[in-house]
Full PDB file with SEQRES, HELIX, SHEET, SSBOND, CRYST1, ORIGX, SCALE, CONECT and MASTER records, all heavy atoms in Angstrom:
SEQRES   1 A   37  MET HIS VAL THR ALA LYS LEU THR LYS GLN VAL TRP GLN          
SEQRES   2 A   37  SER GLY ASP VAL ALA LYS LEU ARG ILE ILE ILE THR ASN          
SEQRES   3 A   37  ASN THR ASP VAL ASN VAL SER ARG ILE THR ILE                  
SHEET    1 AA1 2 HIS A   2  LEU A   7  0                                        
SHEET    2 AA1 2 LEU A  20  THR A  25 -1                                        
CRYST1    1.000    1.000    1.000  90.00  90.00  90.00 P 1           1          
ORIGX1      1.000000  0.000000  0.000000        0.00000                         
ORIGX2      0.000000  1.000000  0.000000        0.00000                         
ORIGX3      0.000000  0.000000  1.000000        0.00000                         
SCALE1      1.000000  0.000000  0.000000        0.00000                         
SCALE2      0.000000  1.000000  0.000000        0.00000                         
SCALE3      0.000000  0.000000  1.000000        0.00000                         
ATOM      1  N   MET A   1     -10.194  12.973   4.337  1.00  0.00           N  
ATOM      2  CA  MET A   1      -9.452  11.932   5.042  1.00  0.00           C  
ATOM      3  C   MET A   1      -8.838  12.581   6.276  1.00  0.00           C  
ATOM      4  O   MET A   1      -8.194  13.629   6.174  1.00  0.00           O  
ATOM      5  CB  MET A   1      -8.359  11.333   4.158  1.00  0.00           C  
ATOM      6  CG  MET A   1      -7.480  10.307   4.890  1.00  0.00           C  
ATOM      7  SD  MET A   1      -6.114   9.707   3.847  1.00  0.00           S  
ATOM      8  CE  MET A   1      -7.011   8.861   2.562  1.00  0.00           C  
ATOM      9  N   HIS A   2      -9.036  11.982   7.439  1.00  0.00           N  
ATOM     10  CA  HIS A   2      -8.502  12.505   8.699  1.00  0.00           C  
ATOM     11  C   HIS A   2      -7.351  11.604   9.163  1.00  0.00           C  
ATOM     12  O   HIS A   2      -7.491  10.381   9.197  1.00  0.00           O  
ATOM     13  CB  HIS A   2      -9.588  12.569   9.765  1.00  0.00           C  
ATOM     14  CG  HIS A   2     -10.689  13.532   9.432  1.00  0.00           C  
ATOM     15  ND1 HIS A   2     -10.663  14.851   9.809  1.00  0.00           N  
ATOM     16  CD2 HIS A   2     -11.850  13.362   8.742  1.00  0.00           C  
ATOM     17  CE1 HIS A   2     -11.746  15.458   9.377  1.00  0.00           C  
ATOM     18  NE2 HIS A   2     -12.486  14.584   8.727  1.00  0.00           N  
ATOM     19  N   VAL A   3      -6.240  12.235   9.538  1.00  0.00           N  
ATOM     20  CA  VAL A   3      -5.067  11.501  10.020  1.00  0.00           C  
ATOM     21  C   VAL A   3      -4.714  12.024  11.410  1.00  0.00           C  
ATOM     22  O   VAL A   3      -4.574  13.234  11.611  1.00  0.00           O  
ATOM     23  CB  VAL A   3      -3.866  11.673   9.075  1.00  0.00           C  
ATOM     24  CG1 VAL A   3      -2.684  10.823   9.551  1.00  0.00           C  
ATOM     25  CG2 VAL A   3      -4.236  11.319   7.634  1.00  0.00           C  
ATOM     26  N   THR A   4      -4.578  11.112  12.347  1.00  0.00           N  
ATOM     27  CA  THR A   4      -4.203  11.466  13.721  1.00  0.00           C  
ATOM     28  C   THR A   4      -2.966  10.662  14.110  1.00  0.00           C  
ATOM     29  O   THR A   4      -2.887   9.461  13.825  1.00  0.00           O  
ATOM     30  CB  THR A   4      -5.341  11.164  14.711  1.00  0.00           C  
ATOM     31  OG1 THR A   4      -6.508  11.899  14.328  1.00  0.00           O  
ATOM     32  CG2 THR A   4      -4.951  11.537  16.124  1.00  0.00           C  
ATOM     33  N   ALA A   5      -2.020  11.311  14.757  1.00  0.00           N  
ATOM     34  CA  ALA A   5      -0.803  10.626  15.189  1.00  0.00           C  
ATOM     35  C   ALA A   5      -0.474  11.037  16.617  1.00  0.00           C  
ATOM     36  O   ALA A   5      -0.667  12.193  17.010  1.00  0.00           O  
ATOM     37  CB  ALA A   5       0.362  10.964  14.266  1.00  0.00           C  
ATOM     38  N   LYS A   6       0.021  10.088  17.400  1.00  0.00           N  
ATOM     39  CA  LYS A   6       0.466  10.393  18.758  1.00  0.00           C  
ATOM     40  C   LYS A   6       1.420   9.325  19.257  1.00  0.00           C  
ATOM     41  O   LYS A   6       1.376   8.163  18.827  1.00  0.00           O  
ATOM     42  CB  LYS A   6      -0.722  10.533  19.721  1.00  0.00           C  
ATOM     43  CG  LYS A   6      -1.497   9.247  19.967  1.00  0.00           C  
ATOM     44  CD  LYS A   6      -2.596   9.493  20.995  1.00  0.00           C  
ATOM     45  CE  LYS A   6      -3.370   8.215  21.291  1.00  0.00           C  
ATOM     46  NZ  LYS A   6      -4.402   8.428  22.328  1.00  0.00           N  
ATOM     47  N   LEU A   7       2.304   9.729  20.134  1.00  0.00           N  
ATOM     48  CA  LEU A   7       3.192   8.794  20.815  1.00  0.00           C  
ATOM     49  C   LEU A   7       2.426   8.103  21.935  1.00  0.00           C  
ATOM     50  O   LEU A   7       1.379   8.581  22.375  1.00  0.00           O  
ATOM     51  CB  LEU A   7       4.409   9.526  21.361  1.00  0.00           C  
ATOM     52  CG  LEU A   7       5.369  10.072  20.304  1.00  0.00           C  
ATOM     53  CD1 LEU A   7       6.283  11.138  20.900  1.00  0.00           C  
ATOM     54  CD2 LEU A   7       6.198   8.953  19.699  1.00  0.00           C  
ATOM     55  N   THR A   8       2.959   6.997  22.437  1.00  0.00           N  
ATOM     56  CA  THR A   8       2.254   6.247  23.471  1.00  0.00           C  
ATOM     57  C   THR A   8       2.564   6.735  24.885  1.00  0.00           C  
ATOM     58  O   THR A   8       1.914   6.306  25.835  1.00  0.00           O  
ATOM     59  CB  THR A   8       2.582   4.743  23.366  1.00  0.00           C  
ATOM     60  OG1 THR A   8       4.008   4.566  23.470  1.00  0.00           O  
ATOM     61  CG2 THR A   8       2.118   4.187  22.028  1.00  0.00           C  
ATOM     62  N   LYS A   9       3.590   7.616  25.038  1.00  0.00           N  
ATOM     63  CA  LYS A   9       3.858   8.198  26.358  1.00  0.00           C  
ATOM     64  C   LYS A   9       4.623   9.498  26.183  1.00  0.00           C  
ATOM     65  O   LYS A   9       5.031   9.858  25.074  1.00  0.00           O  
ATOM     66  CB  LYS A   9       4.617   7.220  27.264  1.00  0.00           C  
ATOM     67  CG  LYS A   9       5.981   6.805  26.762  1.00  0.00           C  
ATOM     68  CD  LYS A   9       6.627   5.832  27.746  1.00  0.00           C  
ATOM     69  CE  LYS A   9       8.048   5.458  27.301  1.00  0.00           C  
ATOM     70  NZ  LYS A   9       8.704   4.530  28.268  1.00  0.00           N  
ATOM     71  N   GLN A  10       4.826  10.210  27.294  1.00  0.00           N  
ATOM     72  CA  GLN A  10       5.419  11.548  27.256  1.00  0.00           C  
ATOM     73  C   GLN A  10       6.945  11.542  27.296  1.00  0.00           C  
ATOM     74  O   GLN A  10       7.597  12.320  26.618  1.00  0.00           O  
ATOM     75  CB  GLN A  10       4.926  12.374  28.461  1.00  0.00           C  
ATOM     76  CG  GLN A  10       3.433  12.558  28.537  1.00  0.00           C  
ATOM     77  CD  GLN A  10       2.963  13.735  27.702  1.00  0.00           C  
ATOM     78  OE1 GLN A  10       3.583  14.094  26.713  1.00  0.00           O  
ATOM     79  NE2 GLN A  10       1.868  14.326  28.097  1.00  0.00           N  
ATOM     80  N   VAL A  11       7.524  10.683  28.126  1.00  0.00           N  
ATOM     81  CA  VAL A  11       8.958  10.703  28.386  1.00  0.00           C  
ATOM     82  C   VAL A  11       9.601   9.453  27.789  1.00  0.00           C  
ATOM     83  O   VAL A  11       9.143   8.329  28.039  1.00  0.00           O  
ATOM     84  CB  VAL A  11       9.250  10.768  29.898  1.00  0.00           C  
ATOM     85  CG1 VAL A  11      10.753  10.787  30.159  1.00  0.00           C  
ATOM     86  CG2 VAL A  11       8.592  11.995  30.519  1.00  0.00           C  
ATOM     87  N   TRP A  12      10.662   9.667  27.017  1.00  0.00           N  
ATOM     88  CA  TRP A  12      11.380   8.553  26.394  1.00  0.00           C  
ATOM     89  C   TRP A  12      12.837   8.593  26.826  1.00  0.00           C  
ATOM     90  O   TRP A  12      13.367   9.635  27.187  1.00  0.00           O  
ATOM     91  CB  TRP A  12      11.277   8.640  24.871  1.00  0.00           C  
ATOM     92  CG  TRP A  12       9.862   8.510  24.392  1.00  0.00           C  
ATOM     93  CD1 TRP A  12       8.993   9.520  24.098  1.00  0.00           C  
ATOM     94  CD2 TRP A  12       9.128   7.307  24.218  1.00  0.00           C  
ATOM     95  NE1 TRP A  12       7.767   9.023  23.734  1.00  0.00           N  
ATOM     96  CE2 TRP A  12       7.820   7.666  23.791  1.00  0.00           C  
ATOM     97  CE3 TRP A  12       9.440   5.960  24.363  1.00  0.00           C  
ATOM     98  CZ2 TRP A  12       6.840   6.718  23.515  1.00  0.00           C  
ATOM     99  CZ3 TRP A  12       8.461   5.017  24.082  1.00  0.00           C  
ATOM    100  CH2 TRP A  12       7.181   5.390  23.660  1.00  0.00           C  
ATOM    101  N   GLN A  13      13.454   7.407  26.741  1.00  0.00           N  
ATOM    102  CA  GLN A  13      14.847   7.277  27.150  1.00  0.00           C  
ATOM    103  C   GLN A  13      15.718   7.086  25.921  1.00  0.00           C  
ATOM    104  O   GLN A  13      15.416   6.266  25.054  1.00  0.00           O  
ATOM    105  CB  GLN A  13      14.980   6.077  28.093  1.00  0.00           C  
ATOM    106  CG  GLN A  13      16.224   6.074  28.950  1.00  0.00           C  
ATOM    107  CD  GLN A  13      16.141   5.004  30.024  1.00  0.00           C  
ATOM    108  OE1 GLN A  13      15.898   3.845  29.759  1.00  0.00           O  
ATOM    109  NE2 GLN A  13      16.339   5.417  31.272  1.00  0.00           N  
ATOM    110  N   SER A  14      16.796   7.856  25.835  1.00  0.00           N  
ATOM    111  CA  SER A  14      17.723   7.706  24.723  1.00  0.00           C  
ATOM    112  C   SER A  14      18.252   6.272  24.675  1.00  0.00           C  
ATOM    113  O   SER A  14      18.617   5.705  25.701  1.00  0.00           O  
ATOM    114  CB  SER A  14      18.878   8.692  24.880  1.00  0.00           C  
ATOM    115  OG  SER A  14      19.815   8.531  23.857  1.00  0.00           O  
ATOM    116  N   GLY A  15      18.286   5.700  23.470  1.00  0.00           N  
ATOM    117  CA  GLY A  15      18.696   4.310  23.305  1.00  0.00           C  
ATOM    118  C   GLY A  15      17.540   3.345  23.298  1.00  0.00           C  
ATOM    119  O   GLY A  15      17.696   2.170  22.944  1.00  0.00           O  
ATOM    120  N   ASP A  16      16.355   3.815  23.699  1.00  0.00           N  
ATOM    121  CA  ASP A  16      15.160   2.975  23.738  1.00  0.00           C  
ATOM    122  C   ASP A  16      14.464   3.022  22.373  1.00  0.00           C  
ATOM    123  O   ASP A  16      15.012   3.502  21.385  1.00  0.00           O  
ATOM    124  CB  ASP A  16      14.234   3.470  24.856  1.00  0.00           C  
ATOM    125  CG  ASP A  16      13.275   2.390  25.342  1.00  0.00           C  
ATOM    126  OD1 ASP A  16      13.200   1.332  24.706  1.00  0.00           O  
ATOM    127  OD2 ASP A  16      12.599   2.627  26.357  1.00  0.00           O  
ATOM    128  N   VAL A  17      13.227   2.529  22.328  1.00  0.00           N  
ATOM    129  CA  VAL A  17      12.419   2.540  21.109  1.00  0.00           C  
ATOM    130  C   VAL A  17      11.131   3.292  21.399  1.00  0.00           C  
ATOM    131  O   VAL A  17      10.364   2.914  22.290  1.00  0.00           O  
ATOM    132  CB  VAL A  17      12.102   1.109  20.631  1.00  0.00           C  
ATOM    133  CG1 VAL A  17      11.168   1.150  19.420  1.00  0.00           C  
ATOM    134  CG2 VAL A  17      13.375   0.365  20.269  1.00  0.00           C  
ATOM    135  N   ALA A  18      10.892   4.397  20.682  1.00  0.00           N  
ATOM    136  CA  ALA A  18       9.639   5.146  20.824  1.00  0.00           C  
ATOM    137  C   ALA A  18       8.552   4.456  20.015  1.00  0.00           C  
ATOM    138  O   ALA A  18       8.818   3.857  18.967  1.00  0.00           O  
ATOM    139  CB  ALA A  18       9.822   6.584  20.354  1.00  0.00           C  
ATOM    140  N   LYS A  19       7.316   4.537  20.515  1.00  0.00           N  
ATOM    141  CA  LYS A  19       6.195   3.878  19.838  1.00  0.00           C  
ATOM    142  C   LYS A  19       5.170   4.921  19.421  1.00  0.00           C  
ATOM    143  O   LYS A  19       4.729   5.734  20.226  1.00  0.00           O  
ATOM    144  CB  LYS A  19       5.575   2.829  20.760  1.00  0.00           C  
ATOM    145  CG  LYS A  19       6.551   1.699  21.085  1.00  0.00           C  
ATOM    146  CD  LYS A  19       5.983   0.706  22.078  1.00  0.00           C  
ATOM    147  CE  LYS A  19       7.025  -0.371  22.404  1.00  0.00           C  
ATOM    148  NZ  LYS A  19       6.513  -1.327  23.422  1.00  0.00           N  
ATOM    149  N   LEU A  20       4.822   4.871  18.147  1.00  0.00           N  
ATOM    150  CA  LEU A  20       3.954   5.863  17.524  1.00  0.00           C  
ATOM    151  C   LEU A  20       2.711   5.183  16.959  1.00  0.00           C  
ATOM    152  O   LEU A  20       2.793   4.076  16.404  1.00  0.00           O  
ATOM    153  CB  LEU A  20       4.714   6.566  16.396  1.00  0.00           C  
ATOM    154  CG  LEU A  20       3.950   7.576  15.545  1.00  0.00           C  
ATOM    155  CD1 LEU A  20       3.729   8.864  16.329  1.00  0.00           C  
ATOM    156  CD2 LEU A  20       4.718   7.854  14.251  1.00  0.00           C  
ATOM    157  N   ARG A  21       1.573   5.844  17.099  1.00  0.00           N  
ATOM    158  CA  ARG A  21       0.325   5.358  16.508  1.00  0.00           C  
ATOM    159  C   ARG A  21      -0.162   6.357  15.465  1.00  0.00           C  
ATOM    160  O   ARG A  21      -0.168   7.561  15.711  1.00  0.00           O  
ATOM    161  CB  ARG A  21      -0.743   5.178  17.587  1.00  0.00           C  
ATOM    162  CG  ARG A  21      -0.447   4.040  18.558  1.00  0.00           C  
ATOM    163  CD  ARG A  21      -1.453   3.994  19.684  1.00  0.00           C  
ATOM    164  NE  ARG A  21      -1.127   2.943  20.634  1.00  0.00           N  
ATOM    165  CZ  ARG A  21      -1.629   2.845  21.860  1.00  0.00           C  
ATOM    166  NH1 ARG A  21      -2.488   3.781  22.289  1.00  0.00           N  
ATOM    167  NH2 ARG A  21      -1.282   1.855  22.662  1.00  0.00           N  
ATOM    168  N   ILE A  22      -0.586   5.820  14.320  1.00  0.00           N  
ATOM    169  CA  ILE A  22      -1.181   6.641  13.263  1.00  0.00           C  
ATOM    170  C   ILE A  22      -2.568   6.082  12.954  1.00  0.00           C  
ATOM    171  O   ILE A  22      -2.696   4.898  12.609  1.00  0.00           O  
ATOM    172  CB  ILE A  22      -0.314   6.647  11.994  1.00  0.00           C  
ATOM    173  CG1 ILE A  22       1.074   7.229  12.294  1.00  0.00           C  
ATOM    174  CG2 ILE A  22      -0.990   7.456  10.881  1.00  0.00           C  
ATOM    175  CD1 ILE A  22       2.027   7.181  11.123  1.00  0.00           C  
ATOM    176  N   ILE A  23      -3.574   6.913  13.121  1.00  0.00           N  
ATOM    177  CA  ILE A  23      -4.964   6.493  12.890  1.00  0.00           C  
ATOM    178  C   ILE A  23      -5.498   7.270  11.690  1.00  0.00           C  
ATOM    179  O   ILE A  23      -5.440   8.504  11.663  1.00  0.00           O  
ATOM    180  CB  ILE A  23      -5.829   6.753  14.129  1.00  0.00           C  
ATOM    181  CG1 ILE A  23      -5.251   6.026  15.350  1.00  0.00           C  
ATOM    182  CG2 ILE A  23      -7.280   6.335  13.889  1.00  0.00           C  
ATOM    183  CD1 ILE A  23      -5.819   6.477  16.664  1.00  0.00           C  
ATOM    184  N   ILE A  24      -6.019   6.541  10.704  1.00  0.00           N  
ATOM    185  CA  ILE A  24      -6.541   7.161   9.486  1.00  0.00           C  
ATOM    186  C   ILE A  24      -8.021   6.825   9.329  1.00  0.00           C  
ATOM    187  O   ILE A  24      -8.420   5.664   9.434  1.00  0.00           O  
ATOM    188  CB  ILE A  24      -5.760   6.685   8.244  1.00  0.00           C  
ATOM    189  CG1 ILE A  24      -4.291   7.114   8.345  1.00  0.00           C  
ATOM    190  CG2 ILE A  24      -6.391   7.239   6.957  1.00  0.00           C  
ATOM    191  CD1 ILE A  24      -3.420   6.607   7.210  1.00  0.00           C  
ATOM    192  N   THR A  25      -8.811   7.856   9.121  1.00  0.00           N  
ATOM    193  CA  THR A  25     -10.222   7.681   8.788  1.00  0.00           C  
ATOM    194  C   THR A  25     -10.412   8.168   7.351  1.00  0.00           C  
ATOM    195  O   THR A  25     -10.389   9.378   7.078  1.00  0.00           O  
ATOM    196  CB  THR A  25     -11.126   8.481   9.745  1.00  0.00           C  
ATOM    197  OG1 THR A  25     -10.827   8.104  11.090  1.00  0.00           O  
ATOM    198  CG2 THR A  25     -12.592   8.211   9.452  1.00  0.00           C  
ATOM    199  N   ASN A  26     -10.543   7.209   6.454  1.00  0.00           N  
ATOM    200  CA  ASN A  26     -10.584   7.534   5.026  1.00  0.00           C  
ATOM    201  C   ASN A  26     -12.014   7.505   4.512  1.00  0.00           C  
ATOM    202  O   ASN A  26     -12.591   6.443   4.289  1.00  0.00           O  
ATOM    203  CB  ASN A  26      -9.706   6.550   4.249  1.00  0.00           C  
ATOM    204  CG  ASN A  26      -9.503   6.987   2.808  1.00  0.00           C  
ATOM    205  OD1 ASN A  26     -10.092   7.966   2.353  1.00  0.00           O  
ATOM    206  ND2 ASN A  26      -8.663   6.252   2.084  1.00  0.00           N  
ATOM    207  N   ASN A  27     -12.594   8.674   4.324  1.00  0.00           N  
ATOM    208  CA  ASN A  27     -13.956   8.780   3.777  1.00  0.00           C  
ATOM    209  C   ASN A  27     -13.949   9.108   2.287  1.00  0.00           C  
ATOM    210  O   ASN A  27     -14.977   9.500   1.726  1.00  0.00           O  
ATOM    211  CB  ASN A  27     -14.724   9.869   4.533  1.00  0.00           C  
ATOM    212  CG  ASN A  27     -14.881   9.536   6.003  1.00  0.00           C  
ATOM    213  OD1 ASN A  27     -15.175   8.402   6.364  1.00  0.00           O  
ATOM    214  ND2 ASN A  27     -14.657  10.522   6.868  1.00  0.00           N  
ATOM    215  N   THR A  28     -12.790   8.983   1.656  1.00  0.00           N  
ATOM    216  CA  THR A  28     -12.677   9.301   0.239  1.00  0.00           C  
ATOM    217  C   THR A  28     -12.670   8.013  -0.585  1.00  0.00           C  
ATOM    218  O   THR A  28     -12.679   6.903  -0.051  1.00  0.00           O  
ATOM    219  CB  THR A  28     -11.389  10.087  -0.037  1.00  0.00           C  
ATOM    220  OG1 THR A  28     -10.261   9.191   0.014  1.00  0.00           O  
ATOM    221  CG2 THR A  28     -11.186  11.192   0.992  1.00  0.00           C  
ATOM    222  N   ASP A  29     -12.585   8.190  -1.898  1.00  0.00           N  
ATOM    223  CA  ASP A  29     -12.484   7.046  -2.812  1.00  0.00           C  
ATOM    224  C   ASP A  29     -11.032   6.814  -3.242  1.00  0.00           C  
ATOM    225  O   ASP A  29     -10.772   6.000  -4.127  1.00  0.00           O  
ATOM    226  CB  ASP A  29     -13.346   7.304  -4.062  1.00  0.00           C  
ATOM    227  CG  ASP A  29     -14.819   7.477  -3.713  1.00  0.00           C  
ATOM    228  OD1 ASP A  29     -15.277   6.791  -2.774  1.00  0.00           O  
ATOM    229  OD2 ASP A  29     -15.489   8.315  -4.344  1.00  0.00           O  
ATOM    230  N   VAL A  30     -10.109   7.541  -2.607  1.00  0.00           N  
ATOM    231  CA  VAL A  30      -8.695   7.431  -2.973  1.00  0.00           C  
ATOM    232  C   VAL A  30      -7.943   6.700  -1.867  1.00  0.00           C  
ATOM    233  O   VAL A  30      -8.116   7.001  -0.681  1.00  0.00           O  
ATOM    234  CB  VAL A  30      -8.081   8.832  -3.197  1.00  0.00           C  
ATOM    235  CG1 VAL A  30      -6.624   8.707  -3.625  1.00  0.00           C  
ATOM    236  CG2 VAL A  30      -8.872   9.605  -4.239  1.00  0.00           C  
ATOM    237  N   ASN A  31      -7.103   5.757  -2.250  1.00  0.00           N  
ATOM    238  CA  ASN A  31      -6.347   4.977  -1.283  1.00  0.00           C  
ATOM    239  C   ASN A  31      -5.043   5.675  -0.893  1.00  0.00           C  
ATOM    240  O   ASN A  31      -4.520   6.513  -1.635  1.00  0.00           O  
ATOM    241  CB  ASN A  31      -6.014   3.596  -1.852  1.00  0.00           C  
ATOM    242  CG  ASN A  31      -7.247   2.715  -1.976  1.00  0.00           C  
ATOM    243  OD1 ASN A  31      -8.110   2.721  -1.096  1.00  0.00           O  
ATOM    244  ND2 ASN A  31      -7.336   1.968  -3.065  1.00  0.00           N  
ATOM    245  N   VAL A  32      -4.541   5.282   0.268  1.00  0.00           N  
ATOM    246  CA  VAL A  32      -3.214   5.725   0.713  1.00  0.00           C  
ATOM    247  C   VAL A  32      -2.172   4.879  -0.002  1.00  0.00           C  
ATOM    248  O   VAL A  32      -2.275   3.646  -0.039  1.00  0.00           O  
ATOM    249  CB  VAL A  32      -3.072   5.575   2.239  1.00  0.00           C  
ATOM    250  CG1 VAL A  32      -1.654   5.911   2.683  1.00  0.00           C  
ATOM    251  CG2 VAL A  32      -4.082   6.457   2.957  1.00  0.00           C  
ATOM    252  N   SER A  33      -1.162   5.534  -0.584  1.00  0.00           N  
ATOM    253  CA  SER A  33      -0.116   4.778  -1.292  1.00  0.00           C  
ATOM    254  C   SER A  33       1.106   4.525  -0.408  1.00  0.00           C  
ATOM    255  O   SER A  33       1.742   3.478  -0.513  1.00  0.00           O  
ATOM    256  CB  SER A  33       0.311   5.503  -2.566  1.00  0.00           C  
ATOM    257  OG  SER A  33       0.896   6.760  -2.263  1.00  0.00           O  
ATOM    258  N   ARG A  34       1.424   5.475   0.482  1.00  0.00           N  
ATOM    259  CA  ARG A  34       2.585   5.262   1.354  1.00  0.00           C  
ATOM    260  C   ARG A  34       2.530   6.222   2.547  1.00  0.00           C  
ATOM    261  O   ARG A  34       1.879   7.269   2.489  1.00  0.00           O  
ATOM    262  CB  ARG A  34       3.906   5.450   0.603  1.00  0.00           C  
ATOM    263  CG  ARG A  34       4.154   6.853   0.117  1.00  0.00           C  
ATOM    264  CD  ARG A  34       5.485   6.962  -0.643  1.00  0.00           C  
ATOM    265  NE  ARG A  34       5.742   8.315  -1.109  1.00  0.00           N  
ATOM    266  CZ  ARG A  34       5.327   8.790  -2.266  1.00  0.00           C  
ATOM    267  NH1 ARG A  34       4.595   8.021  -3.080  1.00  0.00           N  
ATOM    268  NH2 ARG A  34       5.613  10.033  -2.621  1.00  0.00           N  
ATOM    269  N   ILE A  35       3.229   5.829   3.603  1.00  0.00           N  
ATOM    270  CA  ILE A  35       3.387   6.664   4.796  1.00  0.00           C  
ATOM    271  C   ILE A  35       4.879   6.773   5.078  1.00  0.00           C  
ATOM    272  O   ILE A  35       5.570   5.756   5.232  1.00  0.00           O  
ATOM    273  CB  ILE A  35       2.651   6.061   6.010  1.00  0.00           C  
ATOM    274  CG1 ILE A  35       1.149   5.914   5.721  1.00  0.00           C  
ATOM    275  CG2 ILE A  35       2.863   6.933   7.246  1.00  0.00           C  
ATOM    276  CD1 ILE A  35       0.393   5.182   6.800  1.00  0.00           C  
ATOM    277  N   THR A  36       5.383   7.997   5.123  1.00  0.00           N  
ATOM    278  CA  THR A  36       6.806   8.239   5.378  1.00  0.00           C  
ATOM    279  C   THR A  36       6.966   8.845   6.771  1.00  0.00           C  
ATOM    280  O   THR A  36       6.274   9.805   7.120  1.00  0.00           O  
ATOM    281  CB  THR A  36       7.405   9.181   4.325  1.00  0.00           C  
ATOM    282  OG1 THR A  36       7.156   8.645   3.023  1.00  0.00           O  
ATOM    283  CG2 THR A  36       8.898   9.334   4.527  1.00  0.00           C  
ATOM    284  N   ILE A  37       7.882   8.270   7.541  1.00  0.00           N  
ATOM    285  CA  ILE A  37       8.095   8.708   8.930  1.00  0.00           C  
ATOM    286  C   ILE A  37       9.572   9.038   9.113  1.00  0.00           C  
ATOM    287  O   ILE A  37      10.447   8.246   8.754  1.00  0.00           O  
ATOM    288  CB  ILE A  37       7.672   7.605   9.919  1.00  0.00           C  
ATOM    289  CG1 ILE A  37       6.218   7.195   9.671  1.00  0.00           C  
ATOM    290  CG2 ILE A  37       7.850   8.062  11.359  1.00  0.00           C  
ATOM    291  CD1 ILE A  37       5.854   5.875  10.273  1.00  0.00           C  
TER     292      ILE A  37                                                      
MASTER        0    0    0    0    2    0    0    6  291    1    0    3          
END                                                                             
């Protein structure tokens, strides 16, 4: 199973909302139960 994560931009402003992407390529027979951030 391959997991890739990245933010949507380089510079963020305090008080704002950062945006994160998590991409999962699951080639196994086991499911994901939870993602903790």
